[in-house]
Amino acid sequence: MNDVEAARNTAKSAMNNDRFRVMLEQISDPRASGALMSMGSDAGSATDFNTALSRYAENSE
């Protein structure tokens, strides 16, 4: 029963959190989902793991 109570308390906390409410409103907006879908990767523009690592290392210096 402790897990159920913990889940209930977490849900109550989330419902009373203004930042969570704003984020939920933003991601549930149909315009936002369209923008997220357009940010998806193209199959031809995929970066392999080693290239990503080397670019990260270059930018971290």
PDB file of N, CA and C in Angstrom:
ATOM      1  N   MET A   1       0.822  -1.201   0.000  1.00  0.00           N
ATOM      2  CA  MET A   1       0.000   0.000   0.000  1.00  0.00           C
ATOM      3  C   MET A   1       0.865   1.264   0.000  1.00  0.00           C
ATOM      4  N   ASN A   2       2.102   1.172   0.455  1.00  0.00           N
ATOM      5  CA  ASN A   2       2.993   2.328   0.470  1.00  0.00           C
ATOM      6  C   ASN A   2       3.282   2.842  -0.931  1.00  0.00           C
ATOM      7  N   ASP A   3       3.403   1.933  -1.918  1.00  0.00           N
ATOM      8  CA  ASP A   3       3.651   2.347  -3.293  1.00  0.00           C
ATOM      9  C   ASP A   3       2.471   3.139  -3.845  1.00  0.00           C
ATOM     10  N   VAL A   4       1.275   2.718  -3.532  1.00  0.00           N
ATOM     11  CA  VAL A   4       0.080   3.424  -3.990  1.00  0.00           C
ATOM     12  C   VAL A   4       0.025   4.810  -3.373  1.00  0.00           C
ATOM     13  N   GLU A   5       0.310   4.895  -2.099  1.00  0.00           N
ATOM     14  CA  GLU A   5       0.303   6.189  -1.408  1.00  0.00           C
ATOM     15  C   GLU A   5       1.394   7.109  -1.963  1.00  0.00           C
ATOM     16  N   ALA A   6       2.561   6.560  -2.245  1.00  0.00           N
ATOM     17  CA  ALA A   6       3.649   7.361  -2.819  1.00  0.00           C
ATOM     18  C   ALA A   6       3.263   7.871  -4.201  1.00  0.00           C
ATOM     19  N   ALA A   7       2.631   7.027  -5.011  1.00  0.00           N
ATOM     20  CA  ALA A   7       2.185   7.450  -6.338  1.00  0.00           C
ATOM     21  C   ALA A   7       1.124   8.541  -6.231  1.00  0.00           C
ATOM     22  N   ARG A   8       0.217   8.395  -5.290  1.00  0.00           N
ATOM     23  CA  ARG A   8      -0.821   9.396  -5.087  1.00  0.00           C
ATOM     24  C   ARG A   8      -0.211  10.738  -4.667  1.00  0.00           C
ATOM     25  N   ASN A   9       0.740  10.691  -3.761  1.00  0.00           N
ATOM     26  CA  ASN A   9       1.401  11.922  -3.315  1.00  0.00           C
ATOM     27  C   ASN A   9       2.180  12.584  -4.440  1.00  0.00           C
ATOM     28  N   THR A  10       2.824  11.784  -5.270  1.00  0.00           N
ATOM     29  CA  THR A  10       3.562  12.325  -6.415  1.00  0.00           C
ATOM     30  C   THR A  10       2.615  12.990  -7.397  1.00  0.00           C
ATOM     31  N   ALA A  11       1.482  12.349  -7.664  1.00  0.00           N
ATOM     32  CA  ALA A  11       0.491  12.923  -8.586  1.00  0.00           C
ATOM     33  C   ALA A  11      -0.062  14.231  -8.036  1.00  0.00           C
ATOM     34  N   LYS A  12      -0.348  14.271  -6.748  1.00  0.00           N
ATOM     35  CA  LYS A  12      -0.852  15.508  -6.139  1.00  0.00           C
ATOM     36  C   LYS A  12       0.180  16.621  -6.249  1.00  0.00           C
ATOM     37  N   SER A  13       1.435  16.278  -5.999  1.00  0.00           N
ATOM     38  CA  SER A  13       2.503  17.262  -6.082  1.00  0.00           C
ATOM     39  C   SER A  13       2.624  17.803  -7.503  1.00  0.00           C
ATOM     40  N   ALA A  14       2.546  16.919  -8.494  1.00  0.00           N
ATOM     41  CA  ALA A  14       2.641  17.343  -9.890  1.00  0.00           C
ATOM     42  C   ALA A  14       1.480  18.246 -10.272  1.00  0.00           C
ATOM     43  N   MET A  15       0.299  17.934  -9.801  1.00  0.00           N
ATOM     44  CA  MET A  15      -0.879  18.735 -10.134  1.00  0.00           C
ATOM     45  C   MET A  15      -0.795  20.138  -9.536  1.00  0.00           C
ATOM     46  N   ASN A  16      -0.084  20.284  -8.446  1.00  0.00           N
ATOM     47  CA  ASN A  16       0.036  21.579  -7.784  1.00  0.00           C
ATOM     48  C   ASN A  16       1.293  22.345  -8.188  1.00  0.00           C
ATOM     49  N   ASN A  17       2.092  21.777  -9.094  1.00  0.00           N
ATOM     50  CA  ASN A  17       3.338  22.396  -9.522  1.00  0.00           C
ATOM     51  C   ASN A  17       3.064  23.221 -10.782  1.00  0.00           C
ATOM     52  N   ASP A  18       3.248  24.541 -10.691  1.00  0.00           N
ATOM     53  CA  ASP A  18       2.960  25.415 -11.829  1.00  0.00           C
ATOM     54  C   ASP A  18       3.847  25.128 -13.032  1.00  0.00           C
ATOM     55  N   ARG A  19       5.130  24.853 -12.809  1.00  0.00           N
ATOM     56  CA  ARG A  19       6.020  24.567 -13.944  1.00  0.00           C
ATOM     57  C   ARG A  19       5.588  23.297 -14.662  1.00  0.00           C
ATOM     58  N   PHE A  20       5.183  22.278 -13.908  1.00  0.00           N
ATOM     59  CA  PHE A  20       4.706  21.043 -14.521  1.00  0.00           C
ATOM     60  C   PHE A  20       3.429  21.303 -15.318  1.00  0.00           C
ATOM     61  N   ARG A  21       2.525  22.100 -14.762  1.00  0.00           N
ATOM     62  CA  ARG A  21       1.270  22.421 -15.447  1.00  0.00           C
ATOM     63  C   ARG A  21       1.535  23.125 -16.771  1.00  0.00           C
ATOM     64  N   VAL A  22       2.445  24.098 -16.766  1.00  0.00           N
ATOM     65  CA  VAL A  22       2.766  24.830 -17.990  1.00  0.00           C
ATOM     66  C   VAL A  22       3.392  23.902 -19.022  1.00  0.00           C
ATOM     67  N   MET A  23       4.307  23.043 -18.583  1.00  0.00           N
ATOM     68  CA  MET A  23       4.947  22.103 -19.499  1.00  0.00           C
ATOM     69  C   MET A  23       3.918  21.163 -20.103  1.00  0.00           C
ATOM     70  N   LEU A  24       3.000  20.681 -19.287  1.00  0.00           N
ATOM     71  CA  LEU A  24       1.961  19.768 -19.768  1.00  0.00           C
ATOM     72  C   LEU A  24       1.057  20.462 -20.783  1.00  0.00           C
ATOM     73  N   GLU A  25       0.718  21.721 -20.531  1.00  0.00           N
ATOM     74  CA  GLU A  25      -0.088  22.477 -21.490  1.00  0.00           C
ATOM     75  C   GLU A  25       0.651  22.651 -22.810  1.00  0.00           C
ATOM     76  N   GLN A  26       1.951  22.896 -22.738  1.00  0.00           N
ATOM     77  CA  GLN A  26       2.735  23.112 -23.955  1.00  0.00           C
ATOM     78  C   GLN A  26       2.839  21.840 -24.788  1.00  0.00           C
ATOM     79  N   ILE A  27       3.116  20.705 -24.147  1.00  0.00           N
ATOM     80  CA  ILE A  27       3.300  19.486 -24.942  1.00  0.00           C
ATOM     81  C   ILE A  27       1.980  18.895 -25.413  1.00  0.00           C
ATOM     82  N   SER A  28       0.877  19.291 -24.794  1.00  0.00           N
ATOM     83  CA  SER A  28      -0.414  18.784 -25.247  1.00  0.00           C
ATOM     84  C   SER A  28      -1.029  19.668 -26.326  1.00  0.00           C
ATOM     85  N   ASP A  29      -0.405  20.808 -26.612  1.00  0.00           N
ATOM     86  CA  ASP A  29      -0.873  21.699 -27.670  1.00  0.00           C
ATOM     87  C   ASP A  29      -0.589  21.049 -29.026  1.00  0.00           C
ATOM     88  N   PRO A  30      -1.596  20.918 -29.897  1.00  0.00           N
ATOM     89  CA  PRO A  30      -1.379  20.278 -31.203  1.00  0.00           C
ATOM     90  C   PRO A  30      -0.297  20.961 -32.038  1.00  0.00           C
ATOM     91  N   ARG A  31      -0.146  22.260 -31.891  1.00  0.00           N
ATOM     92  CA  ARG A  31       0.913  22.953 -32.646  1.00  0.00           C
ATOM     93  C   ARG A  31       2.291  22.498 -32.176  1.00  0.00           C
ATOM     94  N   ALA A  32       2.444  22.218 -30.887  1.00  0.00           N
ATOM     95  CA  ALA A  32       3.734  21.771 -30.364  1.00  0.00           C
ATOM     96  C   ALA A  32       4.072  20.389 -30.887  1.00  0.00           C
ATOM     97  N   SER A  33       3.077  19.507 -30.967  1.00  0.00           N
ATOM     98  CA  SER A  33       3.369  18.161 -31.457  1.00  0.00           C
ATOM     99  C   SER A  33       3.784  18.206 -32.913  1.00  0.00           C
ATOM    100  N   GLY A  34       3.198  19.106 -33.701  1.00  0.00           N
ATOM    101  CA  GLY A  34       3.619  19.260 -35.092  1.00  0.00           C
ATOM    102  C   GLY A  34       5.052  19.735 -35.187  1.00  0.00           C
ATOM    103  N   ALA A  35       5.436  20.666 -34.322  1.00  0.00           N
ATOM    104  CA  ALA A  35       6.815  21.159 -34.320  1.00  0.00           C
ATOM    105  C   ALA A  35       7.781  20.060 -33.909  1.00  0.00           C
ATOM    106  N   LEU A  36       7.395  19.246 -32.941  1.00  0.00           N
ATOM    107  CA  LEU A  36       8.261  18.149 -32.514  1.00  0.00           C
ATOM    108  C   LEU A  36       8.433  17.117 -33.626  1.00  0.00           C
ATOM    109  N   MET A  37       7.369  16.848 -34.354  1.00  0.00           N
ATOM    110  CA  MET A  37       7.458  15.874 -35.449  1.00  0.00           C
ATOM    111  C   MET A  37       8.371  16.374 -36.554  1.00  0.00           C
ATOM    112  N   SER A  38       8.352  17.668 -36.814  1.00  0.00           N
ATOM    113  CA  SER A  38       9.202  18.205 -37.877  1.00  0.00           C
ATOM    114  C   SER A  38      10.669  18.238 -37.459  1.00  0.00           C
ATOM    115  N   MET A  39      10.962  18.081 -36.178  1.00  0.00           N
ATOM    116  CA  MET A  39      12.341  18.051 -35.701  1.00  0.00           C
ATOM    117  C   MET A  39      12.939  16.658 -35.781  1.00  0.00           C
ATOM    118  N   GLY A  40      12.170  15.667 -36.201  1.00  0.00           N
ATOM    119  CA  GLY A  40      12.673  14.299 -36.311  1.00  0.00           C
ATOM    120  C   GLY A  40      13.832  14.206 -37.282  1.00  0.00           C
ATOM    121  N   SER A  41      14.646  13.194 -37.140  1.00  0.00           N
ATOM    122  CA  SER A  41      15.822  13.056 -37.991  1.00  0.00           C
ATOM    123  C   SER A  41      15.462  12.414 -39.323  1.00  0.00           C
ATOM    124  N   ASP A  42      16.167  12.811 -40.342  1.00  0.00           N
ATOM    125  CA  ASP A  42      16.052  12.179 -41.653  1.00  0.00           C
ATOM    126  C   ASP A  42      16.982  10.985 -41.691  1.00  0.00           C
ATOM    127  N   ALA A  43      16.612   9.964 -42.427  1.00  0.00           N
ATOM    128  CA  ALA A  43      17.455   8.766 -42.506  1.00  0.00           C
ATOM    129  C   ALA A  43      18.810   9.092 -43.124  1.00  0.00           C
ATOM    130  N   GLY A  44      18.859  10.036 -44.057  1.00  0.00           N
ATOM    131  CA  GLY A  44      20.107  10.377 -44.724  1.00  0.00           C
ATOM    132  C   GLY A  44      21.016  11.262 -43.897  1.00  0.00           C
ATOM    133  N   SER A  45      20.522  11.861 -42.854  1.00  0.00           N
ATOM    134  CA  SER A  45      21.349  12.783 -42.081  1.00  0.00           C
ATOM    135  C   SER A  45      21.771  12.205 -40.735  1.00  0.00           C
ATOM    136  N   ALA A  46      21.750  10.914 -40.607  1.00  0.00           N
ATOM    137  CA  ALA A  46      22.125  10.267 -39.351  1.00  0.00           C
ATOM    138  C   ALA A  46      23.629  10.402 -39.110  1.00  0.00           C
ATOM    139  N   THR A  47      24.006  10.598 -37.868  1.00  0.00           N
ATOM    140  CA  THR A  47      25.411  10.707 -37.481  1.00  0.00           C
ATOM    141  C   THR A  47      25.791   9.457 -36.713  1.00  0.00           C
ATOM    142  N   ASP A  48      26.917   8.854 -37.107  1.00  0.00           N
ATOM    143  CA  ASP A  48      27.337   7.651 -36.393  1.00  0.00           C
ATOM    144  C   ASP A  48      27.913   8.033 -35.031  1.00  0.00           C
ATOM    145  N   PHE A  49      28.021   7.051 -34.166  1.00  0.00           N
ATOM    146  CA  PHE A  49      28.416   7.268 -32.780  1.00  0.00           C
ATOM    147  C   PHE A  49      29.811   7.875 -32.667  1.00  0.00           C
ATOM    148  N   ASN A  50      30.775   7.384 -33.439  1.00  0.00           N
ATOM    149  CA  ASN A  50      32.151   7.894 -33.344  1.00  0.00           C
ATOM    150  C   ASN A  50      32.252   9.346 -33.796  1.00  0.00           C
ATOM    151  N   THR A  51      31.496   9.708 -34.836  1.00  0.00           N
ATOM    152  CA  THR A  51      31.489  11.097 -35.286  1.00  0.00           C
ATOM    153  C   THR A  51      30.901  11.998 -34.213  1.00  0.00           C
ATOM    154  N   ALA A  52      29.825  11.554 -33.591  1.00  0.00           N
ATOM    155  CA  ALA A  52      29.208  12.336 -32.525  1.00  0.00           C
ATOM    156  C   ALA A  52      30.180  12.518 -31.363  1.00  0.00           C
ATOM    157  N   LEU A  53      30.893  11.467 -31.000  1.00  0.00           N
ATOM    158  CA  LEU A  53      31.868  11.566 -29.914  1.00  0.00           C
ATOM    159  C   LEU A  53      32.982  12.554 -30.241  1.00  0.00           C
ATOM    160  N   SER A  54      33.490  12.503 -31.461  1.00  0.00           N
ATOM    161  CA  SER A  54      34.583  13.408 -31.817  1.00  0.00           C
ATOM    162  C   SER A  54      34.109  14.855 -31.866  1.00  0.00           C
ATOM    163  N   ARG A  55      32.894  15.088 -32.359  1.00  0.00           N
ATOM    164  CA  ARG A  55      32.361  16.454 -32.377  1.00  0.00           C
ATOM    165  C   ARG A  55      32.132  16.959 -30.955  1.00  0.00           C
ATOM    166  N   TYR A  56      31.663  16.092 -30.086  1.00  0.00           N
ATOM    167  CA  TYR A  56      31.460  16.481 -28.690  1.00  0.00           C
ATOM    168  C   TYR A  56      32.792  16.845 -28.056  1.00  0.00           C
ATOM    169  N   ALA A  57      33.826  16.044 -28.332  1.00  0.00           N
ATOM    170  CA  ALA A  57      35.145  16.309 -27.771  1.00  0.00           C
ATOM    171  C   ALA A  57      35.691  17.639 -28.287  1.00  0.00           C
ATOM    172  N   GLU A  58      35.494  17.941 -29.574  1.00  0.00           N
ATOM    173  CA  GLU A  58      35.955  19.199 -30.144  1.00  0.00           C
ATOM    174  C   GLU A  58      35.262  20.390 -29.479  1.00  0.00           C
ATOM    175  N   ASN A  59      33.974  20.272 -29.245  1.00  0.00           N
ATOM    176  CA  ASN A  59      33.216  21.368 -28.663  1.00  0.00           C
ATOM    177  C   ASN A  59      33.427  21.517 -27.165  1.00  0.00           C
ATOM    178  N   SER A  60      33.982  20.494 -26.530  1.00  0.00           N
ATOM    179  CA  SER A  60      34.184  20.531 -25.076  1.00  0.00           C
ATOM    180  C   SER A  60      35.522  21.146 -24.701  1.00  0.00           C
ATOM    181  N   GLU A  61      36.370  21.372 -25.666  1.00  0.00           N
ATOM    182  CA  GLU A  61      37.717  21.901 -25.373  1.00  0.00           C
ATOM    183  C   GLU A  61      37.694  23.364 -25.064  1.00  0.00           C
TER     184      GLU A  61
END
